[in-house]
Amino acid sequence: MAARTRTKAAAGRGLRVKQIHSGICAQKQQKATLRSMGLRRMNQTVELPDNPAVRGMIHSVRHLVAVVE
């Protein structure tokens, strides 16, 4: 039972990421990163799990996105 509540608590944590700039003039790698994060258009917000892989993706396109509280 304790493991089940831990899983639910961990599942609730995440990062809300909003695309604030267009990816039109971005490099191909950065466009691919936006797509893999689930961002398709400006002002779109997605919720992603808080893990090192996602934080690395955010860091690589930090000039195009914002982390929303």
N, C-alpha and C. Protein backbone atom coordinates (compact mmCIF):
# COMPACT_ATOMS: atom_id res chain seq x y z
N MET A 1 0.81 -1.19 0.00
CA MET A 1 0.00 0.00 0.00
C MET A 1 0.86 1.27 0.00
N ALA A 2 1.97 1.26 0.71
CA ALA A 2 2.82 2.44 0.77
C ALA A 2 3.43 2.74 -0.59
N ALA A 3 3.79 1.70 -1.34
CA ALA A 3 4.38 1.91 -2.66
C ALA A 3 3.36 2.55 -3.60
N ARG A 4 2.12 2.20 -3.44
CA ARG A 4 1.08 2.75 -4.30
C ARG A 4 0.91 4.25 -4.07
N THR A 5 0.94 4.69 -2.82
CA THR A 5 0.79 6.12 -2.55
C THR A 5 2.01 6.89 -3.01
N ARG A 6 3.19 6.27 -2.91
CA ARG A 6 4.40 6.93 -3.40
C ARG A 6 4.31 7.14 -4.90
N THR A 7 3.80 6.17 -5.61
CA THR A 7 3.68 6.28 -7.06
C THR A 7 2.72 7.40 -7.44
N LYS A 8 1.61 7.49 -6.74
CA LYS A 8 0.66 8.55 -7.02
C LYS A 8 1.26 9.92 -6.73
N ALA A 9 2.02 10.02 -5.64
CA ALA A 9 2.64 11.31 -5.31
C ALA A 9 3.68 11.68 -6.35
N ALA A 10 4.44 10.71 -6.83
CA ALA A 10 5.46 10.99 -7.85
C ALA A 10 4.81 11.35 -9.18
N ALA A 11 3.66 10.74 -9.46
CA ALA A 11 2.99 11.01 -10.73
C ALA A 11 2.42 12.43 -10.75
N GLY A 12 2.12 13.00 -9.60
CA GLY A 12 1.55 14.33 -9.53
C GLY A 12 2.56 15.42 -9.81
N ARG A 13 3.84 15.13 -9.64
CA ARG A 13 4.87 16.15 -9.86
C ARG A 13 5.20 16.24 -11.34
N GLY A 14 5.33 17.43 -11.79
CA GLY A 14 5.67 17.62 -13.20
C GLY A 14 5.99 19.07 -13.47
N LEU A 15 6.36 19.34 -14.70
CA LEU A 15 6.69 20.69 -15.13
C LEU A 15 5.70 21.12 -16.21
N ARG A 16 5.18 22.31 -16.07
CA ARG A 16 4.33 22.87 -17.12
C ARG A 16 5.21 23.76 -17.99
N VAL A 17 5.29 23.42 -19.25
CA VAL A 17 6.17 24.12 -20.18
C VAL A 17 5.31 24.81 -21.24
N LYS A 18 5.60 26.08 -21.48
CA LYS A 18 4.84 26.86 -22.46
C LYS A 18 5.79 27.37 -23.54
N GLN A 19 5.39 27.21 -24.80
CA GLN A 19 6.19 27.73 -25.90
C GLN A 19 5.89 29.21 -26.06
N ILE A 20 6.93 30.05 -25.91
CA ILE A 20 6.72 31.49 -25.94
C ILE A 20 7.27 32.14 -27.20
N HIS A 21 8.13 31.44 -27.94
CA HIS A 21 8.68 31.97 -29.19
C HIS A 21 8.52 30.91 -30.28
N SER A 22 8.47 31.37 -31.50
CA SER A 22 8.31 30.49 -32.65
C SER A 22 9.59 29.68 -32.90
N GLY A 23 9.39 28.47 -33.40
CA GLY A 23 10.52 27.63 -33.74
C GLY A 23 10.89 27.68 -35.21
N ILE A 24 10.34 28.64 -35.95
CA ILE A 24 10.56 28.71 -37.40
C ILE A 24 12.03 28.89 -37.74
N CYS A 25 12.68 29.82 -37.08
CA CYS A 25 14.09 30.10 -37.39
C CYS A 25 15.06 29.30 -36.52
N ALA A 26 14.55 28.37 -35.75
CA ALA A 26 15.41 27.57 -34.88
C ALA A 26 16.12 26.49 -35.70
N GLN A 27 17.17 25.94 -35.13
CA GLN A 27 17.89 24.84 -35.79
C GLN A 27 17.02 23.60 -35.83
N LYS A 28 17.35 22.68 -36.72
CA LYS A 28 16.56 21.45 -36.88
C LYS A 28 16.48 20.67 -35.58
N GLN A 29 17.59 20.60 -34.86
CA GLN A 29 17.63 19.87 -33.60
C GLN A 29 16.67 20.49 -32.58
N GLN A 30 16.60 21.80 -32.55
CA GLN A 30 15.72 22.48 -31.61
C GLN A 30 14.26 22.30 -32.00
N LYS A 31 13.97 22.31 -33.29
CA LYS A 31 12.61 22.05 -33.74
C LYS A 31 12.17 20.64 -33.35
N ALA A 32 13.09 19.69 -33.50
CA ALA A 32 12.79 18.31 -33.13
C ALA A 32 12.56 18.18 -31.63
N THR A 33 13.30 18.94 -30.85
CA THR A 33 13.12 18.91 -29.40
C THR A 33 11.76 19.46 -29.02
N LEU A 34 11.34 20.55 -29.65
CA LEU A 34 10.01 21.09 -29.38
C LEU A 34 8.93 20.07 -29.71
N ARG A 35 9.08 19.41 -30.85
CA ARG A 35 8.10 18.38 -31.25
C ARG A 35 8.06 17.23 -30.26
N SER A 36 9.23 16.80 -29.80
CA SER A 36 9.27 15.66 -28.88
C SER A 36 8.70 16.03 -27.51
N MET A 37 8.72 17.31 -27.18
CA MET A 37 8.11 17.76 -25.94
C MET A 37 6.60 17.91 -26.08
N GLY A 38 6.09 17.81 -27.30
CA GLY A 38 4.66 17.91 -27.53
C GLY A 38 4.19 19.32 -27.84
N LEU A 39 5.12 20.22 -28.11
CA LEU A 39 4.77 21.60 -28.41
C LEU A 39 4.66 21.78 -29.91
N ARG A 40 3.51 22.24 -30.37
CA ARG A 40 3.25 22.38 -31.80
C ARG A 40 3.09 23.83 -32.23
N ARG A 41 2.63 24.71 -31.32
CA ARG A 41 2.36 26.09 -31.70
C ARG A 41 2.63 27.03 -30.51
N MET A 42 2.65 28.30 -30.82
CA MET A 42 2.92 29.32 -29.81
C MET A 42 1.84 29.32 -28.72
N ASN A 43 2.25 29.64 -27.51
CA ASN A 43 1.37 29.74 -26.34
C ASN A 43 0.73 28.41 -25.95
N GLN A 44 1.19 27.32 -26.49
CA GLN A 44 0.69 26.01 -26.09
C GLN A 44 1.42 25.58 -24.83
N THR A 45 0.70 25.00 -23.89
CA THR A 45 1.27 24.54 -22.63
C THR A 45 1.09 23.04 -22.52
N VAL A 46 2.17 22.36 -22.13
CA VAL A 46 2.11 20.91 -21.91
C VAL A 46 2.69 20.62 -20.53
N GLU A 47 2.24 19.52 -19.95
CA GLU A 47 2.78 19.09 -18.66
C GLU A 47 3.67 17.88 -18.91
N LEU A 48 4.91 17.98 -18.45
CA LEU A 48 5.89 16.93 -18.66
C LEU A 48 6.41 16.45 -17.31
N PRO A 49 6.85 15.20 -17.22
CA PRO A 49 7.40 14.71 -15.96
C PRO A 49 8.70 15.43 -15.62
N ASP A 50 8.93 15.57 -14.33
CA ASP A 50 10.14 16.25 -13.87
C ASP A 50 11.26 15.22 -13.72
N ASN A 51 12.06 15.06 -14.77
CA ASN A 51 13.20 14.15 -14.73
C ASN A 51 14.36 14.78 -15.49
N PRO A 52 15.56 14.23 -15.34
CA PRO A 52 16.73 14.85 -15.98
C PRO A 52 16.63 14.95 -17.50
N ALA A 53 15.99 14.01 -18.16
CA ALA A 53 15.87 14.05 -19.61
C ALA A 53 15.03 15.25 -20.06
N VAL A 54 13.92 15.47 -19.40
CA VAL A 54 13.05 16.60 -19.74
C VAL A 54 13.74 17.92 -19.41
N ARG A 55 14.43 17.97 -18.29
CA ARG A 55 15.16 19.19 -17.94
C ARG A 55 16.24 19.51 -18.97
N GLY A 56 16.88 18.49 -19.52
CA GLY A 56 17.87 18.70 -20.57
C GLY A 56 17.23 19.23 -21.84
N MET A 57 16.04 18.71 -22.18
CA MET A 57 15.34 19.22 -23.36
C MET A 57 14.96 20.69 -23.16
N ILE A 58 14.48 21.02 -21.97
CA ILE A 58 14.11 22.41 -21.69
C ILE A 58 15.34 23.30 -21.80
N HIS A 59 16.46 22.82 -21.30
CA HIS A 59 17.69 23.61 -21.36
C HIS A 59 18.14 23.87 -22.80
N SER A 60 17.94 22.90 -23.67
CA SER A 60 18.39 23.07 -25.05
C SER A 60 17.53 24.05 -25.85
N VAL A 61 16.30 24.26 -25.42
CA VAL A 61 15.41 25.23 -26.11
C VAL A 61 14.93 26.30 -25.13
N ARG A 62 15.77 26.66 -24.18
CA ARG A 62 15.36 27.59 -23.12
C ARG A 62 15.00 28.97 -23.65
N HIS A 63 15.46 29.33 -24.83
CA HIS A 63 15.12 30.63 -25.41
C HIS A 63 13.77 30.60 -26.13
N LEU A 64 13.18 29.43 -26.29
CA LEU A 64 11.89 29.30 -26.97
C LEU A 64 10.74 28.96 -26.02
N VAL A 65 11.05 28.47 -24.81
CA VAL A 65 10.02 28.02 -23.89
C VAL A 65 10.17 28.70 -22.54
N ALA A 66 9.12 28.58 -21.73
CA ALA A 66 9.14 29.05 -20.35
C ALA A 66 8.49 27.99 -19.47
N VAL A 67 9.02 27.82 -18.28
CA VAL A 67 8.41 26.89 -17.32
C VAL A 67 7.40 27.69 -16.51
N VAL A 68 6.15 27.25 -16.56
CA VAL A 68 5.04 27.95 -15.92
C VAL A 68 4.75 27.27 -14.59
N GLU A 69 4.54 28.05 -13.57
CA GLU A 69 4.22 27.50 -12.25
C GLU A 69 2.77 27.13 -12.15
